[in-house]
Structures are given as C-alpha cells and as structure tokens.
Amino acid sequence: MLVEGKTDVGQERQKNEDCYLIINNDERIRLFAVADGMGGHKGGEVASSLAMEIVKDYFYNHWEQLLEVSSESIKKFITEMFRKANKKVWENSFYNKNLNGMGTTLTVALLIANHLIIGHIGDSRAYLVSEAGLWQLTEDHSYVQKLVNENQLEAGEESNHPQRNILTRALGTDRVVDVDIHYYSVKENDYILLCTDGLTRIVSDMEIKDLILTKKSPSESVEELIKMANARGGPDNITALLVRLESRL
C-alpha cells in the first residue's frame, strides 16, 4: 500500500486551517482523515487540529474493537469517535470567547482488509478511483448541495454559487453531532482520495481521476493536484490524501 498526504495554505489565505492524519502502521486496520476548520481569528485551525487529535487518540485507544469487523461494532466505533471529537470542539468553542462559533469538517476512512468505511460530516470529500472511473463516496453537507437535492440548482453549478461556503452540518457547531457512515468494498489497484474543498472547487472530478491514473505514485499525484489548484488561484487551503491499494502477493 502506498499513501501520501499533503496540505497547502493556497494563494489567498494567511493561515492553513486544514489538517490530515495517516495511521498506517498495522496492516489489519488503517485510518486516514482530513479536516477543514472554520471560524474566528484562530478558530478554524484550532477546531480541525482538536478534532484530529481526538480521532488519533480514540483510534489508538479503541482500535481492537474493530477486529470483530461487524457493521455494528464499526458503526459504534465511528459514532463514538465523532461524538467525542464534536464534544471537544464544541466545549472549546462554548467556553472560550475567542473561539466562539468555530467548527470543522471531518472525513475519516477506515480500511479493514477489503472493507472501506467512511465517517463524514461537512463538505470535505472521499472518492474511490479506479480504471473504471471515479465515484464520490460522500455527500456535501452544504447549502448548495441541499439546493441540488431539491432540484433548485443544477449539479455542477455549486462551485459558482455565492452561498457555496455555507455548511448545513459541521463538527463542533452544535452540542449533538449527526455523522454519515458509508460501507464499501475495495480491491487492489483502487485509489482512495480524501480531500478538502480547496481542491474540489477548483479541480474537476474528471481532472482528478485522469491525474491520479496517469501519475506514477500517490506522492506525485498529490503534488500535482495541489499544484493545479494553486495554478488556478488557490483561493482556499488545499489538502489531498491519496491511498493506492497494492496486491499482497
């Protein structure tokens, strides 16, 4: 398995509120995550880093629960992970006036054998890429996605909408969190991409797929994806984490 992650401040932002996590030291269970913070002078970077800290700690303290590989145990694991991360961000926002209103997206990918489980809140995304095509595995929790779902906006017009930055759900903005959980099967030579909207608003799905499939390694792909977003103005922080599943033979 080859994995590469990179985050970049972009061309217009003064600080980077994105972060990512790679836990790849046990072949039985691996975890990957991205987060995109928001709110206040320092709130965004605090929110995303707090969430990632909880995800990391929770995984290392409870990962053995996942060895059972049942949908019930996995759902419980992800739900509790997100609940604790939400509690940490919400409490810091509530009790620190300098951090009031902060929140973050959070997209987590668990890889257990050929099982891929996604936990998701916000508008950071998870994709599956193979020679057969590209599939978006998450749905944005955003106002413009709500308009698309209600047939008030054509799919593909979201990136130009004046209210594209508005999230309908984020981690840490409310006392209780509702997390989306999705289950997929993957195979060797598949790619898993986690990324923030600093990439997806600038680079199309087709361009993402073509670039990933034509580059020699995840490292080269991630580098080129971020370079492409920056070349087009880089209006936001950009984070990409790419996993390529290799044959075990």
Protein backbone atom coordinates (compact mmCIF):
# COMPACT_ATOMS: atom_id res chain seq x y z
CA MET A 1 0.00 0.00 0.00
CA LEU A 2 1.24 3.45 -0.93
CA VAL A 3 -0.05 6.54 0.90
CA GLU A 4 0.70 10.23 0.56
CA GLY A 5 -0.86 13.26 2.19
CA LYS A 6 -0.13 16.94 1.78
CA THR A 7 -1.71 20.21 2.85
CA ASP A 8 -1.03 23.65 1.42
CA VAL A 9 -2.12 27.12 2.52
CA GLY A 10 -3.06 28.11 -1.04
CA GLN A 11 -2.55 31.51 -2.65
CA GLU A 12 -5.02 33.74 -0.81
CA ARG A 13 -5.23 32.56 2.81
CA GLN A 14 -2.87 33.75 5.54
CA LYS A 15 -3.01 30.52 7.53
CA ASN A 16 -3.80 26.87 6.93
CA GLU A 17 -6.93 25.60 8.72
CA ASP A 18 -6.78 22.15 7.07
CA CYS A 19 -5.11 19.11 8.54
CA TYR A 20 -4.87 15.39 7.80
CA LEU A 21 -3.97 12.16 9.55
CA ILE A 22 -2.40 8.91 8.35
CA ILE A 23 -2.28 5.82 10.60
CA ASN A 24 -0.73 3.07 8.53
CA ASN A 25 1.42 1.04 10.90
CA ASP A 26 -0.76 -2.08 11.20
CA GLU A 27 -1.85 -3.94 8.09
CA ARG A 28 -5.02 -5.19 9.76
CA ILE A 29 -6.62 -1.77 10.31
CA ARG A 30 -5.62 1.59 8.87
CA LEU A 31 -7.12 5.03 9.31
CA PHE A 32 -6.95 8.16 7.17
CA ALA A 33 -8.66 11.50 7.81
CA VAL A 34 -8.91 15.10 6.62
CA ALA A 35 -10.46 18.13 8.32
CA ASP A 36 -11.14 21.71 7.21
CA GLY A 37 -11.63 24.16 10.05
CA MET A 38 -13.64 27.38 10.13
CA GLY A 39 -14.42 30.31 12.38
CA GLY A 40 -12.73 33.26 14.02
CA HIS A 41 -9.16 34.51 14.11
CA LYS A 42 -7.72 31.17 15.22
CA GLY A 43 -10.87 29.09 15.46
CA GLY A 44 -10.53 27.16 12.22
CA GLU A 45 -7.08 25.80 12.80
CA VAL A 46 -7.90 25.06 16.44
CA ALA A 47 -11.10 23.20 15.54
CA SER A 48 -9.53 20.98 12.88
CA SER A 49 -6.47 20.16 14.98
CA LEU A 50 -8.59 19.37 18.05
CA ALA A 51 -10.82 17.06 16.02
CA MET A 52 -7.82 15.26 14.53
CA GLU A 53 -6.22 14.90 17.94
CA ILE A 54 -9.35 13.17 19.27
CA VAL A 55 -9.60 10.92 16.20
CA LYS A 56 -5.99 9.83 16.68
CA ASP A 57 -6.31 9.22 20.42
CA TYR A 58 -9.62 7.40 20.07
CA PHE A 59 -8.26 5.12 17.37
CA TYR A 60 -5.16 4.12 19.33
CA ASN A 61 -7.20 3.50 22.50
CA HIS A 62 -10.03 1.54 20.90
CA TRP A 63 -8.86 0.07 17.57
CA GLU A 64 -9.09 -3.52 18.83
CA GLN A 65 -12.88 -3.16 18.85
CA LEU A 66 -12.69 -3.20 15.05
CA LEU A 67 -11.10 -6.65 14.82
CA GLU A 68 -14.59 -8.10 15.05
CA VAL A 69 -15.32 -6.50 11.66
CA SER A 70 -19.07 -6.30 12.18
CA SER A 71 -21.24 -3.44 10.95
CA GLU A 72 -22.50 -2.92 14.50
CA SER A 73 -19.03 -2.59 16.05
CA ILE A 74 -17.82 -0.34 13.24
CA LYS A 75 -20.85 1.94 13.47
CA LYS A 76 -20.42 2.21 17.24
CA PHE A 77 -16.71 2.98 16.85
CA ILE A 78 -17.18 5.76 14.29
CA THR A 79 -20.22 7.25 16.03
CA GLU A 80 -18.40 7.48 19.35
CA MET A 81 -15.23 8.84 17.71
CA PHE A 82 -17.19 11.66 16.09
CA ARG A 83 -19.19 12.28 19.27
CA LYS A 84 -16.01 12.77 21.30
CA ALA A 85 -14.43 14.97 18.64
CA ASN A 86 -17.59 17.07 18.46
CA LYS A 87 -17.72 17.43 22.25
CA LYS A 88 -14.10 18.60 22.36
CA VAL A 89 -14.56 21.23 19.64
CA TRP A 90 -17.96 22.39 20.93
CA GLU A 91 -16.76 22.81 24.52
CA ASN A 92 -13.69 24.78 23.44
CA SER A 93 -15.90 26.99 21.29
CA PHE A 94 -18.51 27.47 24.04
CA TYR A 95 -16.15 28.30 26.89
CA ASN A 96 -13.54 30.36 25.02
CA LYS A 97 -14.94 33.60 23.62
CA ASN A 98 -12.01 33.87 21.19
CA LEU A 99 -13.08 30.58 19.64
CA ASN A 100 -16.87 31.08 19.63
CA GLY A 101 -18.52 29.70 16.52
CA MET A 102 -15.61 27.57 15.37
CA GLY A 103 -16.19 24.21 13.71
CA THR A 104 -14.65 21.83 11.24
CA THR A 105 -15.42 19.28 8.60
CA LEU A 106 -14.21 15.76 9.26
CA THR A 107 -13.94 12.86 6.85
CA VAL A 108 -12.47 9.60 8.14
CA ALA A 109 -11.68 6.44 6.15
CA LEU A 110 -11.18 3.12 7.92
CA LEU A 111 -9.61 0.36 5.87
CA ILE A 112 -10.07 -3.17 7.25
CA ALA A 113 -8.94 -5.84 4.76
CA ASN A 114 -11.03 -5.06 1.65
CA HIS A 115 -13.65 -3.14 3.63
CA LEU A 116 -13.69 0.65 3.39
CA ILE A 117 -15.80 2.53 5.92
CA ILE A 118 -16.30 6.28 5.66
CA GLY A 119 -17.39 8.56 8.51
CA HIS A 120 -18.26 12.03 7.31
CA ILE A 121 -19.56 15.46 8.27
CA GLY A 122 -19.17 18.69 6.30
CA ASP A 123 -18.01 19.22 2.71
CA SER A 124 -14.60 17.57 2.63
CA ARG A 125 -14.88 14.53 0.39
CA ALA A 126 -13.91 10.90 -0.09
CA TYR A 127 -13.54 9.42 -3.57
CA LEU A 128 -12.88 5.96 -4.96
CA VAL A 129 -10.84 5.98 -8.16
CA SER A 130 -10.02 3.07 -10.47
CA GLU A 131 -9.55 2.40 -14.18
CA ALA A 132 -13.34 2.02 -14.35
CA GLY A 133 -13.99 5.57 -13.15
CA LEU A 134 -14.33 7.90 -10.18
CA TRP A 135 -17.04 7.78 -7.50
CA GLN A 136 -17.74 10.40 -4.85
CA LEU A 137 -18.36 8.42 -1.68
CA THR A 138 -19.67 11.28 0.46
CA GLU A 139 -22.36 13.92 0.04
CA ASP A 140 -21.54 17.50 0.94
CA HIS A 141 -23.41 18.87 3.93
CA SER A 142 -23.78 22.28 2.31
CA TYR A 143 -26.48 24.73 1.37
CA VAL A 144 -25.76 24.37 -2.35
CA GLN A 145 -25.95 20.57 -2.16
CA LYS A 146 -29.33 20.97 -0.46
CA LEU A 147 -30.43 23.11 -3.42
CA VAL A 148 -29.24 20.42 -5.83
CA ASN A 149 -31.11 17.73 -3.89
CA GLU A 150 -34.26 19.85 -4.06
CA ASN A 151 -33.82 20.44 -7.82
CA GLN A 152 -33.37 24.16 -7.28
CA LEU A 153 -29.83 24.09 -8.65
CA GLU A 154 -28.24 22.06 -11.43
CA ALA A 155 -25.49 19.65 -10.43
CA GLY A 156 -22.16 21.20 -11.38
CA GLU A 157 -23.23 24.77 -10.62
CA GLU A 158 -22.31 24.59 -6.93
CA SER A 159 -18.77 25.97 -7.28
CA ASN A 160 -20.02 29.29 -8.66
CA HIS A 161 -22.91 29.83 -6.26
CA PRO A 162 -22.48 32.89 -3.96
CA GLN A 163 -23.50 30.81 -0.91
CA ARG A 164 -21.25 27.85 -1.64
CA ASN A 165 -19.37 28.32 1.65
CA ILE A 166 -22.40 27.71 3.85
CA LEU A 167 -22.42 24.32 5.58
CA THR A 168 -25.62 22.70 6.83
CA ARG A 169 -23.69 20.41 9.16
CA ALA A 170 -20.25 20.64 10.76
CA LEU A 171 -18.37 19.22 13.71
CA GLY A 172 -18.42 21.36 16.86
CA THR A 173 -21.13 23.84 15.90
CA ASP A 174 -23.85 22.04 17.86
CA ARG A 175 -23.87 20.04 21.08
CA VAL A 176 -25.00 16.87 19.27
CA VAL A 177 -23.50 15.63 16.01
CA ASP A 178 -25.04 13.50 13.26
CA VAL A 179 -22.42 11.56 11.30
CA ASP A 180 -22.87 9.87 7.92
CA ILE A 181 -21.42 6.34 7.77
CA HIS A 182 -20.91 4.50 4.47
CA TYR A 183 -19.61 0.99 3.75
CA TYR A 184 -17.77 -0.03 0.57
CA SER A 185 -15.66 -2.87 -0.82
CA VAL A 186 -12.32 -2.12 -2.44
CA LYS A 187 -9.77 -4.15 -4.37
CA GLU A 188 -6.13 -3.97 -5.35
CA ASN A 189 -5.12 -1.08 -7.61
CA ASP A 190 -8.04 1.04 -6.35
CA TYR A 191 -7.30 4.53 -5.07
CA ILE A 192 -8.94 6.24 -2.11
CA LEU A 193 -8.79 10.03 -2.11
CA LEU A 194 -9.70 12.24 0.84
CA CYS A 195 -9.61 15.98 0.17
CA THR A 196 -10.90 19.37 1.24
CA ASP A 197 -12.95 21.76 -0.86
CA GLY A 198 -9.88 23.84 -1.66
CA LEU A 199 -9.21 21.13 -4.22
CA THR A 200 -12.69 20.10 -5.37
CA ARG A 201 -13.92 23.64 -6.03
CA ILE A 202 -11.03 24.27 -8.39
CA VAL A 203 -10.22 20.90 -9.96
CA SER A 204 -12.99 18.85 -11.61
CA ASP A 205 -13.73 15.21 -10.84
CA MET A 206 -12.60 14.22 -14.34
CA GLU A 207 -9.30 16.05 -13.92
CA ILE A 208 -8.77 14.43 -10.52
CA LYS A 209 -9.37 10.96 -11.97
CA ASP A 210 -7.14 11.48 -15.00
CA LEU A 211 -4.30 12.92 -12.97
CA ILE A 212 -4.37 10.11 -10.39
CA LEU A 213 -4.42 7.38 -13.03
CA THR A 214 -1.62 8.87 -15.14
CA LYS A 215 0.92 9.60 -12.42
CA LYS A 216 3.38 7.02 -11.18
CA SER A 217 2.71 7.29 -7.46
CA PRO A 218 0.36 8.82 -4.88
CA SER A 219 3.16 11.22 -3.96
CA GLU A 220 3.37 12.56 -7.50
CA SER A 221 -0.43 12.69 -7.82
CA VAL A 222 -0.92 14.66 -4.60
CA GLU A 223 1.82 17.09 -5.58
CA GLU A 224 0.26 17.70 -8.99
CA LEU A 225 -3.29 18.06 -7.63
CA ILE A 226 -2.20 20.79 -5.24
CA LYS A 227 -0.07 22.44 -7.91
CA MET A 228 -3.08 22.53 -10.25
CA ALA A 229 -5.33 24.12 -7.62
CA ASN A 230 -2.71 26.75 -6.84
CA ALA A 231 -2.14 27.49 -10.51
CA ARG A 232 -5.83 28.37 -10.76
CA GLY A 233 -5.65 30.89 -7.95
CA GLY A 234 -5.60 28.67 -4.85
CA PRO A 235 -8.36 30.67 -3.11
CA ASP A 236 -8.55 28.27 -0.16
CA ASN A 237 -6.37 25.84 1.78
CA ILE A 238 -5.80 22.63 -0.18
CA THR A 239 -5.43 19.15 1.30
CA ALA A 240 -5.23 15.82 -0.50
CA LEU A 241 -4.59 12.37 0.95
CA LEU A 242 -4.27 9.53 -1.54
CA VAL A 243 -4.09 5.78 -0.87
CA ARG A 244 -3.26 3.19 -3.51
CA LEU A 245 -4.16 -0.39 -2.66
CA GLU A 246 -1.45 -2.80 -3.67
CA SER A 247 -1.51 -6.54 -4.22
CA ARG A 248 -0.46 -8.52 -1.13
CA LEU A 249 1.34 -11.07 -3.27
